[in-house]
Amino acid sequence: MRYTGSDWKQSRRLGFSTLETGKELQKRPYGPGQHGASRKKKPSEYGKQLVEKQKLRQMYGVNERQFRRLFMLALKSKEVTGFAFMKLLESRLDNLVYRMGFARTRRGARQLVNHGHIEVNGNKVDIPSYLCSLNDVISLRENAKEMKVVKESLASIATKVGWVEVDEEKLSGKYIREPERNELTSQITESQIVEYYNRKL
């Protein structure tokens, strides 16, 4: 199942900003609930691996079945499995819509895709998990170009990532290259996730 509760509460539970802004942890950098600040039990090695997996899964908003499927694809890659896995997650349509600034959160981007507001190379795609290829052009459909939520999101972007190009006038963008590892969050130890799934295989 995909987590549908509070992103802020989930970030505090994991001790990690799933929104990549850090805002969730500024006021209360400890777990939610009455005893959140006092829970300091040392996790087992398996527990550490599970937390790393949950951090990455919750950040991208992917359910367990889809997450495992992408891991299996990464396992078949000739590249380092953990990084190949992260690049696959980055190539999801909902994530690229978010990276281009058309939505403030990945959850918001997923809604845009689900509601049929997004085109890939001129064709409507309403599957958030759709894996994009390099040089794919992602754009808002005509009936969505005046949406207030999209304009507000574009106006609020603080930083842009280097692996997408965005034309704010045309409300379209292109997936121009794969990200480098140092361009993605350093707060994920992907080798722990690989170890977690190696236990399961």
N, C-alpha and C. Protein backbone atom coordinates (compact mmCIF):
# COMPACT_ATOMS: atom_id res chain seq x y z
N MET A 1 0.83 -1.21 0.00
CA MET A 1 0.00 0.00 0.00
C MET A 1 0.86 1.26 0.00
N ARG A 2 0.35 2.29 -0.66
CA ARG A 2 1.03 3.59 -0.64
C ARG A 2 0.58 4.36 0.59
N TYR A 3 1.54 5.00 1.26
CA TYR A 3 1.23 5.80 2.45
C TYR A 3 0.43 7.03 2.04
N THR A 4 -0.70 7.27 2.70
CA THR A 4 -1.56 8.40 2.36
C THR A 4 -1.73 9.38 3.52
N GLY A 5 -0.98 9.17 4.60
CA GLY A 5 -1.09 10.07 5.75
C GLY A 5 -0.24 11.32 5.58
N SER A 6 0.06 11.95 6.71
CA SER A 6 0.80 13.21 6.71
C SER A 6 2.26 13.00 6.31
N ASP A 7 2.72 13.77 5.31
CA ASP A 7 4.13 13.70 4.91
C ASP A 7 5.02 14.17 6.05
N TRP A 8 4.57 15.16 6.80
CA TRP A 8 5.37 15.70 7.90
C TRP A 8 5.55 14.66 8.99
N LYS A 9 4.47 13.95 9.33
CA LYS A 9 4.55 12.93 10.39
C LYS A 9 5.46 11.78 9.94
N GLN A 10 5.34 11.40 8.68
CA GLN A 10 6.18 10.32 8.16
C GLN A 10 7.65 10.73 8.17
N SER A 11 7.94 11.98 7.82
CA SER A 11 9.32 12.46 7.83
C SER A 11 9.89 12.44 9.23
N ARG A 12 9.10 12.84 10.21
CA ARG A 12 9.56 12.84 11.60
C ARG A 12 9.79 11.42 12.09
N ARG A 13 8.95 10.50 11.67
CA ARG A 13 9.10 9.10 12.08
C ARG A 13 10.40 8.51 11.54
N LEU A 14 10.77 8.91 10.32
CA LEU A 14 11.98 8.39 9.68
C LEU A 14 13.22 9.21 9.98
N GLY A 15 13.00 10.42 10.54
CA GLY A 15 14.14 11.32 10.78
C GLY A 15 14.77 11.79 9.49
N PHE A 16 13.93 12.00 8.46
CA PHE A 16 14.42 12.30 7.11
C PHE A 16 13.35 13.10 6.38
N SER A 17 13.75 14.14 5.69
CA SER A 17 12.80 14.99 4.97
C SER A 17 12.40 14.34 3.66
N THR A 18 11.23 13.72 3.62
CA THR A 18 10.77 13.07 2.39
C THR A 18 10.39 14.09 1.33
N LEU A 19 10.15 15.34 1.74
CA LEU A 19 9.83 16.41 0.79
C LEU A 19 11.10 17.11 0.30
N GLU A 20 12.24 16.72 0.84
CA GLU A 20 13.55 17.27 0.46
C GLU A 20 13.69 18.76 0.76
N THR A 21 12.89 19.27 1.66
CA THR A 21 12.98 20.69 2.03
C THR A 21 13.57 20.89 3.42
N GLY A 22 13.45 19.87 4.27
CA GLY A 22 13.92 19.96 5.64
C GLY A 22 12.94 20.64 6.58
N LYS A 23 11.86 21.21 6.02
CA LYS A 23 10.91 21.96 6.84
C LYS A 23 10.20 21.09 7.87
N GLU A 24 9.99 19.81 7.50
CA GLU A 24 9.24 18.92 8.40
C GLU A 24 9.95 18.70 9.73
N LEU A 25 11.28 18.84 9.72
CA LEU A 25 12.08 18.50 10.91
C LEU A 25 12.61 19.74 11.64
N GLN A 26 12.30 20.93 11.16
CA GLN A 26 12.87 22.13 11.76
C GLN A 26 12.39 22.36 13.19
N LYS A 27 11.09 22.23 13.40
CA LYS A 27 10.54 22.51 14.74
C LYS A 27 10.60 21.30 15.66
N ARG A 28 10.40 20.12 15.09
CA ARG A 28 10.35 18.90 15.91
C ARG A 28 11.20 17.81 15.26
N PRO A 29 12.50 17.83 15.46
CA PRO A 29 13.38 16.85 14.84
C PRO A 29 13.39 15.50 15.56
N TYR A 30 12.22 15.01 15.89
CA TYR A 30 12.09 13.71 16.56
C TYR A 30 10.79 13.06 16.13
N GLY A 31 10.60 11.81 16.48
CA GLY A 31 9.42 11.06 16.05
C GLY A 31 8.12 11.63 16.57
N PRO A 32 7.01 11.35 15.88
CA PRO A 32 5.71 11.84 16.32
C PRO A 32 5.20 11.07 17.53
N GLY A 33 4.19 11.60 18.17
CA GLY A 33 3.57 10.92 19.30
C GLY A 33 4.11 11.37 20.65
N GLN A 34 3.48 10.90 21.71
CA GLN A 34 3.79 11.31 23.08
C GLN A 34 5.24 11.02 23.47
N HIS A 35 5.78 9.90 22.98
CA HIS A 35 7.13 9.50 23.38
C HIS A 35 8.14 9.65 22.24
N GLY A 36 7.77 10.43 21.23
CA GLY A 36 8.63 10.56 20.06
C GLY A 36 10.02 11.04 20.37
N ALA A 37 10.15 11.97 21.31
CA ALA A 37 11.46 12.55 21.61
C ALA A 37 12.35 11.63 22.43
N SER A 38 11.75 10.61 23.06
CA SER A 38 12.52 9.76 23.97
C SER A 38 12.84 8.39 23.40
N ARG A 39 12.39 8.11 22.16
CA ARG A 39 12.65 6.80 21.55
C ARG A 39 14.07 6.78 20.98
N LYS A 40 14.97 6.09 21.65
CA LYS A 40 16.36 6.05 21.20
C LYS A 40 16.91 4.63 21.15
N LYS A 41 16.02 3.66 20.95
CA LYS A 41 16.44 2.28 20.87
C LYS A 41 17.35 2.07 19.66
N LYS A 42 18.50 1.43 19.88
CA LYS A 42 19.45 1.23 18.79
C LYS A 42 18.91 0.17 17.82
N PRO A 43 18.78 0.53 16.54
CA PRO A 43 18.21 -0.43 15.59
C PRO A 43 19.19 -1.54 15.23
N SER A 44 18.66 -2.68 14.84
CA SER A 44 19.49 -3.79 14.35
C SER A 44 19.96 -3.45 12.94
N GLU A 45 20.84 -4.28 12.39
CA GLU A 45 21.30 -4.05 11.02
C GLU A 45 20.13 -4.13 10.05
N TYR A 46 19.25 -5.10 10.29
CA TYR A 46 18.05 -5.23 9.45
C TYR A 46 17.17 -3.99 9.61
N GLY A 47 17.07 -3.49 10.83
CA GLY A 47 16.28 -2.29 11.09
C GLY A 47 16.81 -1.08 10.34
N LYS A 48 18.13 -0.94 10.28
CA LYS A 48 18.75 0.16 9.52
C LYS A 48 18.43 0.04 8.03
N GLN A 49 18.50 -1.19 7.53
CA GLN A 49 18.21 -1.41 6.11
C GLN A 49 16.75 -1.08 5.81
N LEU A 50 15.88 -1.48 6.71
CA LEU A 50 14.45 -1.21 6.52
C LEU A 50 14.16 0.29 6.51
N VAL A 51 14.81 1.02 7.41
CA VAL A 51 14.62 2.47 7.48
C VAL A 51 15.09 3.13 6.18
N GLU A 52 16.24 2.71 5.66
CA GLU A 52 16.74 3.30 4.40
C GLU A 52 15.76 3.03 3.27
N LYS A 53 15.22 1.81 3.24
CA LYS A 53 14.24 1.48 2.20
C LYS A 53 13.01 2.36 2.32
N GLN A 54 12.53 2.53 3.56
CA GLN A 54 11.33 3.33 3.78
C GLN A 54 11.57 4.80 3.44
N LYS A 55 12.75 5.29 3.74
CA LYS A 55 13.09 6.69 3.42
C LYS A 55 12.97 6.93 1.92
N LEU A 56 13.56 6.03 1.14
CA LEU A 56 13.54 6.20 -0.31
C LEU A 56 12.14 5.98 -0.87
N ARG A 57 11.46 4.97 -0.36
CA ARG A 57 10.11 4.66 -0.88
C ARG A 57 9.13 5.79 -0.58
N GLN A 58 9.20 6.32 0.65
CA GLN A 58 8.28 7.40 1.01
C GLN A 58 8.63 8.69 0.29
N MET A 59 9.91 8.93 0.04
CA MET A 59 10.30 10.14 -0.66
C MET A 59 9.68 10.19 -2.06
N TYR A 60 9.72 9.07 -2.76
CA TYR A 60 9.17 9.02 -4.11
C TYR A 60 7.68 8.66 -4.13
N GLY A 61 7.11 8.31 -2.98
CA GLY A 61 5.68 8.02 -2.91
C GLY A 61 5.28 6.80 -3.70
N VAL A 62 6.10 5.74 -3.63
CA VAL A 62 5.86 4.53 -4.42
C VAL A 62 5.39 3.41 -3.51
N ASN A 63 4.40 2.65 -3.97
CA ASN A 63 3.96 1.53 -3.14
C ASN A 63 4.97 0.38 -3.20
N GLU A 64 4.86 -0.55 -2.30
CA GLU A 64 5.87 -1.60 -2.16
C GLU A 64 6.00 -2.46 -3.42
N ARG A 65 4.89 -2.77 -4.06
CA ARG A 65 4.95 -3.62 -5.26
C ARG A 65 5.73 -2.93 -6.38
N GLN A 66 5.43 -1.64 -6.61
CA GLN A 66 6.13 -0.89 -7.65
C GLN A 66 7.61 -0.70 -7.29
N PHE A 67 7.86 -0.47 -6.01
CA PHE A 67 9.23 -0.25 -5.53
C PHE A 67 10.07 -1.50 -5.78
N ARG A 68 9.52 -2.64 -5.44
CA ARG A 68 10.25 -3.90 -5.64
C ARG A 68 10.45 -4.19 -7.13
N ARG A 69 9.45 -3.87 -7.94
CA ARG A 69 9.56 -4.09 -9.39
C ARG A 69 10.72 -3.28 -9.97
N LEU A 70 10.84 -2.02 -9.54
CA LEU A 70 11.93 -1.18 -10.03
C LEU A 70 13.28 -1.69 -9.53
N PHE A 71 13.30 -2.21 -8.31
CA PHE A 71 14.55 -2.78 -7.81
C PHE A 71 14.99 -3.96 -8.67
N MET A 72 14.05 -4.80 -9.05
CA MET A 72 14.39 -5.95 -9.88
C MET A 72 14.90 -5.52 -11.24
N LEU A 73 14.37 -4.42 -11.78
CA LEU A 73 14.88 -3.87 -13.03
C LEU A 73 16.32 -3.38 -12.85
N ALA A 74 16.56 -2.70 -11.71
CA ALA A 74 17.90 -2.18 -11.42
C ALA A 74 18.90 -3.32 -11.25
N LEU A 75 18.43 -4.43 -10.70
CA LEU A 75 19.29 -5.59 -10.47
C LEU A 75 19.81 -6.15 -11.79
N LYS A 76 19.03 -6.01 -12.85
CA LYS A 76 19.41 -6.52 -14.16
C LYS A 76 20.34 -5.56 -14.90
N SER A 77 20.47 -4.35 -14.37
CA SER A 77 21.31 -3.34 -15.01
C SER A 77 22.79 -3.68 -14.88
N LYS A 78 23.60 -3.19 -15.79
CA LYS A 78 25.05 -3.40 -15.73
C LYS A 78 25.70 -2.37 -14.80
N GLU A 79 24.91 -1.41 -14.32
CA GLU A 79 25.43 -0.38 -13.43
C GLU A 79 25.35 -0.85 -11.98
N VAL A 80 25.90 -0.04 -11.08
CA VAL A 80 25.79 -0.33 -9.65
C VAL A 80 24.31 -0.32 -9.28
N THR A 81 23.84 -1.39 -8.66
CA THR A 81 22.40 -1.60 -8.46
C THR A 81 21.72 -0.44 -7.73
N GLY A 82 22.30 0.00 -6.63
CA GLY A 82 21.65 1.04 -5.83
C GLY A 82 21.44 2.32 -6.60
N PHE A 83 22.47 2.76 -7.33
CA PHE A 83 22.35 4.00 -8.09
C PHE A 83 21.42 3.82 -9.28
N ALA A 84 21.48 2.67 -9.94
CA ALA A 84 20.57 2.38 -11.05
C ALA A 84 19.12 2.44 -10.57
N PHE A 85 18.90 1.96 -9.36
CA PHE A 85 17.56 1.98 -8.75
C PHE A 85 17.08 3.41 -8.56
N MET A 86 17.95 4.27 -8.04
CA MET A 86 17.58 5.66 -7.81
C MET A 86 17.29 6.38 -9.13
N LYS A 87 18.06 6.05 -10.16
CA LYS A 87 17.83 6.69 -11.46
C LYS A 87 16.49 6.25 -12.06
N LEU A 88 16.12 5.01 -11.85
CA LEU A 88 14.81 4.55 -12.32
C LEU A 88 13.69 5.31 -11.60
N LEU A 89 13.83 5.50 -10.30
CA LEU A 89 12.84 6.26 -9.54
C LEU A 89 12.74 7.69 -10.06
N GLU A 90 13.89 8.27 -10.41
CA GLU A 90 13.91 9.64 -10.94
C GLU A 90 13.23 9.73 -12.30
N SER A 91 13.21 8.63 -13.06
CA SER A 91 12.64 8.67 -14.41
C SER A 91 11.13 8.46 -14.43
N ARG A 92 10.53 8.22 -13.28
CA ARG A 92 9.07 8.09 -13.22
C ARG A 92 8.43 9.41 -13.66
N LEU A 93 7.30 9.32 -14.34
CA LEU A 93 6.64 10.52 -14.84
C LEU A 93 6.24 11.47 -13.72
N ASP A 94 5.66 10.93 -12.64
CA ASP A 94 5.23 11.83 -11.57
C ASP A 94 6.41 12.58 -10.96
N ASN A 95 7.55 11.90 -10.85
CA ASN A 95 8.74 12.55 -10.30
C ASN A 95 9.25 13.66 -11.22
N LEU A 96 9.25 13.41 -12.54
CA LEU A 96 9.74 14.42 -13.47
C LEU A 96 8.81 15.63 -13.54
N VAL A 97 7.52 15.39 -13.42
CA VAL A 97 6.56 16.51 -13.35
C VAL A 97 6.88 17.37 -12.13
N TYR A 98 7.20 16.72 -11.02
CA TYR A 98 7.60 17.43 -9.79
C TYR A 98 8.94 18.15 -9.99
N ARG A 99 9.92 17.48 -10.57
CA ARG A 99 11.24 18.07 -10.78
C ARG A 99 11.17 19.29 -11.70
N MET A 100 10.22 19.28 -12.62
CA MET A 100 10.07 20.41 -13.54
C MET A 100 9.35 21.59 -12.91
N GLY A 101 8.81 21.36 -11.72
CA GLY A 101 8.17 22.45 -11.00
C GLY A 101 6.69 22.63 -11.27
N PHE A 102 6.06 21.67 -11.96
CA PHE A 102 4.63 21.80 -12.25
C PHE A 102 3.77 21.48 -11.03
N ALA A 103 4.38 20.91 -10.01
CA ALA A 103 3.69 20.61 -8.74
C ALA A 103 4.68 20.82 -7.60
N ARG A 104 4.17 21.21 -6.44
CA ARG A 104 5.05 21.48 -5.30
C ARG A 104 5.55 20.21 -4.62
N THR A 105 4.81 19.14 -4.76
CA THR A 105 5.18 17.87 -4.15
C THR A 105 4.98 16.74 -5.16
N ARG A 106 5.59 15.61 -4.90
CA ARG A 106 5.39 14.46 -5.78
C ARG A 106 3.94 13.99 -5.70
N ARG A 107 3.33 14.14 -4.55
CA ARG A 107 1.91 13.75 -4.42
C ARG A 107 1.05 14.62 -5.33
N GLY A 108 1.35 15.91 -5.37
CA GLY A 108 0.62 16.82 -6.25
C GLY A 108 0.87 16.50 -7.72
N ALA A 109 2.11 16.12 -8.03
CA ALA A 109 2.45 15.75 -9.41
C ALA A 109 1.69 14.48 -9.81
N ARG A 110 1.59 13.54 -8.88
CA ARG A 110 0.87 12.30 -9.15
C ARG A 110 -0.60 12.59 -9.48
N GLN A 111 -1.18 13.56 -8.79
CA GLN A 111 -2.58 13.94 -9.06
C GLN A 111 -2.72 14.54 -10.45
N LEU A 112 -1.77 15.40 -10.83
CA LEU A 112 -1.83 15.99 -12.18
C LEU A 112 -1.82 14.90 -13.24
N VAL A 113 -0.96 13.90 -13.04
CA VAL A 113 -0.88 12.80 -14.01
C VAL A 113 -2.16 11.97 -13.98
N ASN A 114 -2.59 11.59 -12.79
CA ASN A 114 -3.80 10.77 -12.64
C ASN A 114 -5.02 11.41 -13.28
N HIS A 115 -5.12 12.73 -13.19
CA HIS A 115 -6.30 13.45 -13.70
C HIS A 115 -6.19 13.78 -15.18
N GLY A 116 -5.16 13.26 -15.84
CA GLY A 116 -5.07 13.41 -17.29
C GLY A 116 -4.58 14.76 -17.77
N HIS A 117 -3.81 15.48 -16.94
CA HIS A 117 -3.36 16.82 -17.31
C HIS A 117 -1.98 16.83 -17.98
N ILE A 118 -1.35 15.67 -18.13
CA ILE A 118 0.03 15.61 -18.61
C ILE A 118 0.15 14.85 -19.93
N GLU A 119 1.02 15.37 -20.80
CA GLU A 119 1.35 14.69 -22.05
C GLU A 119 2.83 14.35 -22.08
N VAL A 120 3.15 13.24 -22.70
CA VAL A 120 4.55 12.87 -22.96
C VAL A 120 4.70 12.74 -24.48
N ASN A 121 5.56 13.57 -25.04
CA ASN A 121 5.77 13.60 -26.49
C ASN A 121 4.45 13.79 -27.26
N GLY A 122 3.57 14.63 -26.69
CA GLY A 122 2.32 14.96 -27.36
C GLY A 122 1.19 13.99 -27.11
N ASN A 123 1.43 12.93 -26.35
CA ASN A 123 0.39 11.94 -26.07
C ASN A 123 0.01 11.96 -24.60
N LYS A 124 -1.27 11.95 -24.32
CA LYS A 124 -1.75 11.93 -22.94
C LYS A 124 -1.28 10.66 -22.24
N VAL A 125 -0.69 10.84 -21.04
CA VAL A 125 -0.28 9.71 -20.22
C VAL A 125 -0.82 9.95 -18.81
N ASP A 126 -1.63 9.04 -18.31
CA ASP A 126 -2.22 9.23 -16.98
C ASP A 126 -1.76 8.15 -16.00
N ILE A 127 -0.56 7.62 -16.23
CA ILE A 127 0.02 6.60 -15.36
C ILE A 127 1.25 7.20 -14.66
N PRO A 128 1.15 7.54 -13.37
CA PRO A 128 2.26 8.17 -12.67
C PRO A 128 3.56 7.37 -12.69
N SER A 129 3.45 6.04 -12.73
CA SER A 129 4.63 5.17 -12.69
C SER A 129 5.29 4.99 -14.06
N TYR A 130 4.75 5.63 -15.09
CA TYR A 130 5.31 5.54 -16.44
C TYR A 130 6.78 5.95 -16.41
N LEU A 131 7.66 5.10 -16.95
CA LEU A 131 9.09 5.39 -16.96
C LEU A 131 9.47 6.14 -18.23
N CYS A 132 9.96 7.37 -18.05
CA CYS A 132 10.32 8.20 -19.18
C CYS A 132 11.72 7.86 -19.69
N SER A 133 11.95 8.15 -20.96
CA SER A 133 13.25 7.96 -21.58
C SER A 133 13.92 9.31 -21.78
N LEU A 134 15.23 9.31 -21.95
CA LEU A 134 15.94 10.56 -22.21
C LEU A 134 15.37 11.24 -23.44
N ASN A 135 15.27 12.56 -23.37
CA ASN A 135 14.75 13.44 -24.44
C ASN A 135 13.23 13.40 -24.57
N ASP A 136 12.55 12.69 -23.68
CA ASP A 136 11.09 12.79 -23.66
C ASP A 136 10.68 14.21 -23.29
N VAL A 137 9.64 14.72 -23.97
CA VAL A 137 9.10 16.05 -23.68
C VAL A 137 7.82 15.89 -22.87
N ILE A 138 7.79 16.50 -21.71
CA ILE A 138 6.65 16.41 -20.80
C ILE A 138 5.98 17.77 -20.73
N SER A 139 4.69 17.81 -20.95
CA SER A 139 4.01 19.11 -20.99
C SER A 139 2.61 19.03 -20.38
N LEU A 140 2.12 20.21 -20.02
CA LEU A 140 0.75 20.33 -19.56
C LEU A 140 -0.18 20.32 -20.76
N ARG A 141 -1.29 19.64 -20.66
CA ARG A 141 -2.29 19.66 -21.73
C ARG A 141 -2.95 21.04 -21.76
N GLU A 142 -3.52 21.39 -22.90
CA GLU A 142 -4.08 22.73 -23.08
C GLU A 142 -5.07 23.11 -21.98
N ASN A 143 -5.92 22.16 -21.59
CA ASN A 143 -6.94 22.48 -20.59
C ASN A 143 -6.39 22.63 -19.19
N ALA A 144 -5.07 22.39 -19.02
CA ALA A 144 -4.46 22.48 -17.69
C ALA A 144 -3.49 23.65 -17.57
N LYS A 145 -3.23 24.34 -18.67
CA LYS A 145 -2.19 25.37 -18.67
C LYS A 145 -2.55 26.61 -17.85
N GLU A 146 -3.83 26.81 -17.56
CA GLU A 146 -4.23 27.95 -16.76
C GLU A 146 -4.49 27.59 -15.29
N MET A 147 -4.15 26.37 -14.93
CA MET A 147 -4.40 25.94 -13.55
C MET A 147 -3.59 26.77 -12.56
N LYS A 148 -4.28 27.31 -11.58
CA LYS A 148 -3.63 28.15 -10.57
C LYS A 148 -2.55 27.41 -9.81
N VAL A 149 -2.80 26.15 -9.49
CA VAL A 149 -1.85 25.36 -8.70
C VAL A 149 -0.53 25.18 -9.43
N VAL A 150 -0.58 25.08 -10.76
CA VAL A 150 0.64 24.92 -11.55
C VAL A 150 1.43 26.22 -11.56
N LYS A 151 0.74 27.34 -11.78
CA LYS A 151 1.42 28.64 -11.82
C LYS A 151 2.04 28.98 -10.46
N GLU A 152 1.33 28.66 -9.39
CA GLU A 152 1.85 28.92 -8.05
C GLU A 152 3.07 28.07 -7.77
N SER A 153 3.04 26.84 -8.24
CA SER A 153 4.17 25.94 -8.03
C SER A 153 5.41 26.45 -8.76
N LEU A 154 5.26 26.83 -10.03
CA LEU A 154 6.39 27.33 -10.81
C LEU A 154 6.98 28.60 -10.19
N ALA A 155 6.10 29.43 -9.63
CA ALA A 155 6.56 30.68 -9.01
C ALA A 155 7.30 30.45 -7.70
N SER A 156 7.07 29.29 -7.09
CA SER A 156 7.64 29.02 -5.76
C SER A 156 8.94 28.22 -5.81
N ILE A 157 9.38 27.80 -7.01
CA ILE A 157 10.58 26.96 -7.11
C ILE A 157 11.80 27.73 -6.62
N ALA A 158 12.50 27.15 -5.65
CA ALA A 158 13.71 27.78 -5.12
C ALA A 158 14.95 27.34 -5.90
N THR A 159 15.02 26.06 -6.18
CA THR A 159 16.17 25.53 -6.92
C THR A 159 15.68 24.58 -8.02
N LYS A 160 16.41 24.55 -9.11
CA LYS A 160 16.08 23.67 -10.22
C LYS A 160 17.16 22.60 -10.38
N VAL A 161 16.78 21.45 -10.86
CA VAL A 161 17.75 20.37 -11.05
C VAL A 161 18.29 20.41 -12.47
N GLY A 162 19.49 19.89 -12.66
CA GLY A 162 20.17 20.02 -13.94
C GLY A 162 19.82 18.99 -14.99
N TRP A 163 19.03 17.98 -14.63
CA TRP A 163 18.75 16.92 -15.61
C TRP A 163 17.42 17.12 -16.33
N VAL A 164 16.75 18.25 -16.07
CA VAL A 164 15.56 18.59 -16.85
C VAL A 164 15.68 20.03 -17.34
N GLU A 165 15.08 20.30 -18.49
CA GLU A 165 14.94 21.65 -19.02
C GLU A 165 13.47 22.02 -18.94
N VAL A 166 13.17 23.27 -18.62
CA VAL A 166 11.78 23.70 -18.49
C VAL A 166 11.56 24.98 -19.28
N ASP A 167 10.50 25.00 -20.08
CA ASP A 167 10.06 26.20 -20.77
C ASP A 167 8.78 26.66 -20.07
N GLU A 168 8.91 27.67 -19.20
CA GLU A 168 7.78 28.10 -18.38
C GLU A 168 6.68 28.76 -19.21
N GLU A 169 7.02 29.31 -20.37
CA GLU A 169 6.00 29.93 -21.22
C GLU A 169 5.13 28.87 -21.89
N LYS A 170 5.78 27.82 -22.38
CA LYS A 170 5.04 26.75 -23.05
C LYS A 170 4.52 25.71 -22.06
N LEU A 171 4.97 25.82 -20.80
CA LEU A 171 4.62 24.84 -19.76
C LEU A 171 4.96 23.42 -20.21
N SER A 172 6.21 23.29 -20.62
CA SER A 172 6.70 21.97 -21.02
C SER A 172 8.15 21.84 -20.57
N GLY A 173 8.63 20.62 -20.54
CA GLY A 173 10.01 20.38 -20.13
C GLY A 173 10.54 19.14 -20.81
N LYS A 174 11.86 18.98 -20.74
CA LYS A 174 12.49 17.81 -21.37
C LYS A 174 13.42 17.14 -20.36
N TYR A 175 13.40 15.82 -20.38
CA TYR A 175 14.30 15.00 -19.56
C TYR A 175 15.59 14.85 -20.35
N ILE A 176 16.59 15.69 -20.06
CA ILE A 176 17.75 15.81 -20.94
C ILE A 176 18.90 14.86 -20.61
N ARG A 177 18.99 14.42 -19.36
CA ARG A 177 20.08 13.51 -19.00
C ARG A 177 19.75 12.82 -17.68
N GLU A 178 20.50 11.77 -17.38
CA GLU A 178 20.34 11.11 -16.08
C GLU A 178 21.07 11.92 -15.02
N PRO A 179 20.56 11.93 -13.79
CA PRO A 179 21.26 12.65 -12.73
C PRO A 179 22.54 11.93 -12.31
N GLU A 180 23.50 12.68 -11.80
CA GLU A 180 24.69 12.10 -11.19
C GLU A 180 24.35 11.76 -9.73
N ARG A 181 25.09 10.84 -9.14
CA ARG A 181 24.79 10.44 -7.76
C ARG A 181 24.92 11.62 -6.80
N ASN A 182 25.91 12.51 -7.03
CA ASN A 182 26.09 13.63 -6.10
C ASN A 182 25.03 14.71 -6.26
N GLU A 183 24.14 14.55 -7.25
CA GLU A 183 23.03 15.50 -7.42
C GLU A 183 21.78 15.04 -6.67
N LEU A 184 21.79 13.80 -6.23
CA LEU A 184 20.67 13.25 -5.47
C LEU A 184 20.99 13.30 -3.98
N THR A 185 19.98 13.10 -3.16
CA THR A 185 20.16 13.23 -1.71
C THR A 185 21.29 12.35 -1.17
N SER A 186 22.09 12.93 -0.30
CA SER A 186 23.17 12.19 0.35
C SER A 186 22.69 11.49 1.62
N GLN A 187 21.42 11.69 1.96
CA GLN A 187 20.88 11.13 3.19
C GLN A 187 20.29 9.74 3.01
N ILE A 188 20.50 9.17 1.83
CA ILE A 188 20.07 7.79 1.56
C ILE A 188 21.32 6.94 1.33
N THR A 189 21.41 5.82 2.05
CA THR A 189 22.49 4.86 1.82
C THR A 189 21.91 3.71 1.02
N GLU A 190 22.00 3.82 -0.30
CA GLU A 190 21.31 2.87 -1.16
C GLU A 190 21.86 1.45 -1.05
N SER A 191 23.13 1.32 -0.61
CA SER A 191 23.69 -0.03 -0.43
C SER A 191 22.93 -0.81 0.63
N GLN A 192 22.40 -0.10 1.62
CA GLN A 192 21.59 -0.76 2.66
C GLN A 192 20.29 -1.31 2.08
N ILE A 193 19.74 -0.59 1.09
CA ILE A 193 18.50 -1.04 0.45
C ILE A 193 18.78 -2.28 -0.39
N VAL A 194 19.93 -2.28 -1.06
CA VAL A 194 20.32 -3.46 -1.84
C VAL A 194 20.46 -4.67 -0.91
N GLU A 195 21.10 -4.46 0.25
CA GLU A 195 21.25 -5.55 1.22
C GLU A 195 19.89 -6.03 1.72
N TYR A 196 18.97 -5.09 1.92
CA TYR A 196 17.62 -5.45 2.40
C TYR A 196 16.96 -6.41 1.41
N TYR A 197 16.99 -6.06 0.12
CA TYR A 197 16.33 -6.91 -0.87
C TYR A 197 17.12 -8.19 -1.15
N ASN A 198 18.43 -8.15 -0.98
CA ASN A 198 19.22 -9.38 -1.14
C ASN A 198 18.80 -10.44 -0.11
N ARG A 199 18.37 -9.98 1.05
CA ARG A 199 17.86 -10.92 2.07
C ARG A 199 16.59 -11.62 1.60
N LYS A 200 15.84 -10.90 0.76
CA LYS A 200 14.52 -11.39 0.37
C LYS A 200 14.57 -12.29 -0.86
N LEU A 201 15.66 -12.19 -1.62
CA LEU A 201 15.73 -12.92 -2.89
C LEU A 201 16.15 -14.38 -2.69
